[in-house]
């Protein structure tokens, strides 16, 4: 077996081990921040010549670094976000990988190039995180040697971006689900308070349910106050009188 074959086999073994670890992280109950941090750390282990890895999350016009293996690259990411341009944003918005030699990036992304060179980064590979046309962000790999990153590394990076996209999508779905549950709970509580207020009016004034509810609605419209607030004020005033 040649040296290249031995090296390739070793890299495949490392990739397999890292991805097995990653599956455990993503299958667990860890918050999305911890899952993405685990993914970044796995990527820096597996991708040859990767000096550091970061994960950019794009939310509308805003971008932020959700995970990183180095504080230095967080600063490089921040420079890209502040200037509104750079390879990580390019990868996210075009939904296409971007590989760049930093020395050749001064004309296209001067702010990024200056920040990267200051940190000793000479090669950069960024791959988009997306589901369909839904842009999630990018996974960014920083190299400190000129020959960093080959087609094999790009193929590995696609595996990591697939895992990251799945993790982010699941987290966002979970967040939306929790928000829906919270809103439903608030709605149920509000409804209960309105029903209590309506029952109180019926008992005090000897009126029918529809009439009691209409009184609450009229008070809401007259005072430009939410119906549930009208109900709460009425219940509070009745409690105070009872005391």
Protein backbone atom coordinates (compact mmCIF):
# COMPACT_ATOMS: atom_id res chain seq x y z
CA UNK A 1 0.00 0.00 0.00
CA UNK A 2 1.38 3.42 -0.97
CA UNK A 3 1.86 6.32 1.44
CA UNK A 4 -1.07 8.15 -0.19
CA UNK A 5 -3.30 5.11 0.26
CA UNK A 6 -2.31 4.75 3.88
CA UNK A 7 -3.00 8.45 4.46
CA UNK A 8 -6.39 8.23 2.76
CA UNK A 9 -7.34 5.18 4.82
CA UNK A 10 -6.32 6.97 8.01
CA UNK A 11 -8.40 10.00 7.07
CA UNK A 12 -11.40 7.78 6.35
CA UNK A 13 -11.00 6.14 9.76
CA UNK A 14 -10.85 9.55 11.42
CA UNK A 15 -13.89 10.69 9.45
CA UNK A 16 -15.87 7.62 10.45
CA UNK A 17 -14.98 8.04 14.12
CA UNK A 18 -15.80 11.74 14.10
CA UNK A 19 -19.13 11.21 12.35
CA UNK A 20 -20.06 8.47 14.82
CA UNK A 21 -19.35 10.89 17.66
CA UNK A 22 -21.34 13.54 15.86
CA UNK A 23 -24.34 11.28 15.46
CA UNK A 24 -24.37 10.82 19.22
CA UNK A 25 -24.29 14.57 19.78
CA UNK A 26 -27.05 15.35 17.30
CA UNK A 27 -29.23 12.49 18.51
CA UNK A 28 -29.07 13.67 22.12
CA UNK A 29 -30.97 16.33 23.97
CA UNK A 30 -28.18 18.93 23.88
CA UNK A 31 -29.11 22.53 22.99
CA UNK A 32 -28.42 23.52 19.40
CA UNK A 33 -25.38 25.56 20.50
CA UNK A 34 -23.72 22.46 21.97
CA UNK A 35 -24.64 20.33 18.97
CA UNK A 36 -23.11 22.82 16.54
CA UNK A 37 -20.01 23.19 18.69
CA UNK A 38 -19.58 19.41 18.61
CA UNK A 39 -19.98 19.47 14.85
CA UNK A 40 -17.32 22.20 14.45
CA UNK A 41 -14.89 20.27 16.64
CA UNK A 42 -15.50 17.09 14.64
CA UNK A 43 -14.91 18.93 11.37
CA UNK A 44 -11.60 20.38 12.51
CA UNK A 45 -10.46 16.86 13.47
CA UNK A 46 -11.34 15.29 10.15
CA UNK A 47 -10.68 17.87 7.45
CA UNK A 48 -7.00 17.83 6.57
CA UNK A 49 -5.18 21.16 7.08
CA UNK A 50 -8.18 22.64 8.88
CA UNK A 51 -6.68 24.98 11.45
CA UNK A 52 -10.07 26.13 12.71
CA UNK A 53 -13.77 25.81 11.92
CA UNK A 54 -16.69 28.12 12.52
CA UNK A 55 -20.42 27.94 11.82
CA UNK A 56 -22.28 31.02 10.62
CA UNK A 57 -26.01 31.31 11.14
CA UNK A 58 -27.92 33.70 8.87
CA UNK A 59 -31.26 35.06 10.03
CA UNK A 60 -32.66 37.49 7.49
CA UNK A 61 -30.18 40.33 7.18
CA UNK A 62 -28.33 39.32 10.34
CA UNK A 63 -25.48 36.84 10.69
CA UNK A 64 -23.73 35.46 13.75
CA UNK A 65 -21.20 32.80 14.67
CA UNK A 66 -22.98 29.95 16.42
CA UNK A 67 -19.92 27.77 17.03
CA UNK A 68 -16.17 28.02 16.62
CA UNK A 69 -12.98 26.19 17.50
CA UNK A 70 -10.94 29.41 17.75
CA UNK A 71 -11.53 32.93 19.07
CA UNK A 72 -9.38 34.30 16.25
CA UNK A 73 -11.76 33.12 13.55
CA UNK A 74 -14.73 34.56 15.44
CA UNK A 75 -13.10 37.95 14.85
CA UNK A 76 -12.65 37.18 11.16
CA UNK A 77 -16.31 36.18 10.93
CA UNK A 78 -17.33 39.39 12.71
CA UNK A 79 -15.41 41.49 10.18
CA UNK A 80 -17.34 39.80 7.37
CA UNK A 81 -20.68 40.43 9.07
CA UNK A 82 -19.84 44.07 9.77
CA UNK A 83 -18.75 44.74 6.18
CA UNK A 84 -21.66 42.77 4.75
CA UNK A 85 -19.41 40.72 2.49
CA UNK A 86 -16.95 37.85 2.55
CA UNK A 87 -16.74 34.18 1.56
CA UNK A 88 -18.94 32.89 4.39
CA UNK A 89 -21.76 35.24 3.37
CA UNK A 90 -21.11 34.48 -0.30
CA UNK A 91 -21.49 30.74 0.34
CA UNK A 92 -24.68 31.28 2.31
CA UNK A 93 -26.36 33.60 -0.19
CA UNK A 94 -25.35 31.76 -3.36
CA UNK A 95 -25.88 28.31 -1.80
CA UNK A 96 -22.56 27.24 -3.33
CA UNK A 97 -19.16 26.35 -1.83
CA UNK A 98 -16.49 29.04 -1.85
CA UNK A 99 -12.78 28.26 -1.75
CA UNK A 100 -10.37 31.16 -1.73
CA UNK A 101 -6.68 31.82 -1.31
CA UNK A 102 -6.55 34.77 1.08
CA UNK A 103 -3.68 36.43 -0.82
CA UNK A 104 -5.94 36.65 -3.87
CA UNK A 105 -9.00 37.97 -2.01
CA UNK A 106 -7.94 41.59 -1.39
CA UNK A 107 -9.77 43.06 -4.37
CA UNK A 108 -12.95 41.08 -3.83
CA UNK A 109 -13.18 41.06 -0.03
CA UNK A 110 -10.59 43.50 1.35
CA UNK A 111 -11.92 43.54 4.92
CA UNK A 112 -12.00 39.75 5.13
CA UNK A 113 -8.57 39.39 3.53
CA UNK A 114 -6.97 41.85 5.93
CA UNK A 115 -8.51 40.16 8.99
CA UNK A 116 -7.56 36.68 7.75
CA UNK A 117 -3.97 37.61 6.98
CA UNK A 118 -3.61 39.24 10.39
CA UNK A 119 -4.61 35.90 11.95
CA UNK A 120 -2.24 33.92 9.72
CA UNK A 121 -5.02 32.34 7.65
CA UNK A 122 -3.95 31.72 4.06
CA UNK A 123 -6.70 29.44 2.71
CA UNK A 124 -10.42 29.40 3.30
CA UNK A 125 -13.23 27.01 2.45
CA UNK A 126 -16.86 27.78 3.13
CA UNK A 127 -19.87 25.61 2.34
CA UNK A 128 -23.52 26.66 2.56
CA UNK A 129 -25.95 25.42 5.15
CA UNK A 130 -29.34 25.30 3.47
CA UNK A 131 -32.47 23.24 3.12
CA UNK A 132 -33.85 23.74 -0.36
CA UNK A 133 -33.87 27.51 -0.86
CA UNK A 134 -34.04 28.17 2.87
CA UNK A 135 -30.67 29.68 3.78
CA UNK A 136 -29.42 28.69 7.22
CA UNK A 137 -25.81 29.88 7.08
CA UNK A 138 -22.42 28.40 6.28
CA UNK A 139 -19.73 26.10 7.66
CA UNK A 140 -16.32 27.73 7.39
CA UNK A 141 -12.89 26.11 7.43
CA UNK A 142 -9.69 28.11 7.95
CA UNK A 143 -6.32 26.86 6.71
CA UNK A 144 -2.84 28.02 7.68
CA UNK A 145 -0.97 26.40 4.76
CA UNK A 146 -1.15 27.35 1.09
CA UNK A 147 -2.04 23.88 -0.18
CA UNK A 148 -4.93 23.44 2.25
CA UNK A 149 -8.15 21.78 1.10
CA UNK A 150 -8.57 19.37 -1.78
CA UNK A 151 -11.67 17.81 -3.42
CA UNK A 152 -11.69 15.10 -0.74
CA UNK A 153 -11.93 17.79 1.95
CA UNK A 154 -14.77 19.46 0.09
CA UNK A 155 -16.63 16.14 -0.05
CA UNK A 156 -16.15 15.67 3.70
CA UNK A 157 -17.34 19.20 4.30
CA UNK A 158 -20.58 18.40 2.48
CA UNK A 159 -21.22 15.62 5.01
CA UNK A 160 -20.79 18.07 7.86
CA UNK A 161 -22.99 20.71 6.27
CA UNK A 162 -25.73 18.12 5.79
CA UNK A 163 -25.50 17.23 9.48
CA UNK A 164 -25.42 20.88 10.53
CA UNK A 165 -28.39 21.79 8.32
CA UNK A 166 -30.39 18.96 9.86
CA UNK A 167 -29.49 20.06 13.38
CA UNK A 168 -30.39 23.70 12.76
CA UNK A 169 -33.64 22.82 11.01
CA UNK A 170 -34.66 20.50 13.85
CA UNK A 171 -33.81 23.15 16.43
CA UNK A 172 -35.81 25.81 14.62
CA UNK A 173 -38.74 23.43 14.25
CA UNK A 174 -38.52 22.66 17.96
CA UNK A 175 -38.41 26.38 18.79
CA UNK A 176 -41.46 27.05 16.63
CA UNK A 177 -43.28 24.15 18.25
CA UNK A 178 -42.48 25.48 21.73
CA UNK A 179 -43.69 28.94 20.68
CA UNK A 180 -46.95 27.52 19.36
CA UNK A 181 -47.47 25.63 22.63
CA UNK A 182 -46.72 28.79 24.62
CA UNK A 183 -49.19 30.80 22.54
CA UNK A 184 -51.86 28.13 22.91
CA UNK A 185 -51.32 28.06 26.67
CA UNK A 186 -51.67 31.84 26.86
CA UNK A 187 -54.81 31.67 24.76
CA UNK A 188 -56.34 29.03 27.04
CA UNK A 189 -55.50 31.05 30.14
CA UNK A 190 -56.97 34.17 28.57
CA UNK A 191 -60.11 32.32 27.61
CA UNK A 192 -60.51 30.98 31.14
CA UNK A 193 -60.21 34.49 32.60
CA UNK A 194 -62.78 35.86 30.14
CA UNK A 195 -65.18 33.04 31.03
CA UNK A 196 -64.69 33.76 34.75
CA UNK A 197 -65.42 37.45 34.21
CA UNK A 198 -68.49 36.62 32.14
CA UNK A 199 -69.73 34.28 34.89
CA UNK A 200 -69.17 36.98 37.50
CA UNK A 201 -71.27 39.48 35.53
CA UNK A 202 -74.03 36.90 35.13
CA UNK A 203 -74.06 36.24 38.87
CA UNK A 204 -73.96 39.89 39.95
CA UNK A 205 -76.45 41.28 37.41
CA UNK A 206 -78.59 38.22 36.71
CA UNK A 207 -78.01 38.44 32.97
CA UNK A 208 -77.64 35.89 30.20
CA UNK A 209 -74.19 34.67 28.96
CA UNK A 210 -74.42 36.54 25.65
CA UNK A 211 -75.31 39.79 27.38
CA UNK A 212 -72.46 39.40 29.87
CA UNK A 213 -69.98 38.74 27.09
CA UNK A 214 -71.27 41.73 25.11
CA UNK A 215 -70.66 44.00 28.11
CA UNK A 216 -67.06 42.84 28.25
CA UNK A 217 -66.67 43.47 24.51
CA UNK A 218 -68.17 46.97 24.77
CA UNK A 219 -65.84 47.87 27.65
CA UNK A 220 -62.90 46.57 25.59
CA UNK A 221 -63.86 48.70 22.59
CA UNK A 222 -64.65 51.81 24.64
CA UNK A 223 -61.36 51.77 26.54
CA UNK A 224 -59.31 50.37 23.64
CA UNK A 225 -58.16 47.59 25.95
CA UNK A 226 -57.69 43.92 25.16
CA UNK A 227 -60.64 41.79 26.15
CA UNK A 228 -58.56 39.65 28.50
CA UNK A 229 -57.31 42.80 30.30
CA UNK A 230 -60.89 43.95 30.79
CA UNK A 231 -61.71 40.54 32.26
CA UNK A 232 -58.69 40.64 34.58
CA UNK A 233 -59.57 44.11 35.86
CA UNK A 234 -63.13 43.04 36.57
CA UNK A 235 -62.01 39.93 38.44
CA UNK A 236 -59.45 41.93 40.41
CA UNK A 237 -62.05 44.53 41.40
CA UNK A 238 -64.41 41.78 42.56
CA UNK A 239 -61.64 40.21 44.65
CA UNK A 240 -60.83 43.53 46.26
CA UNK A 241 -64.50 44.07 47.17
CA UNK A 242 -64.70 40.57 48.61
CA UNK A 243 -61.72 41.31 50.88
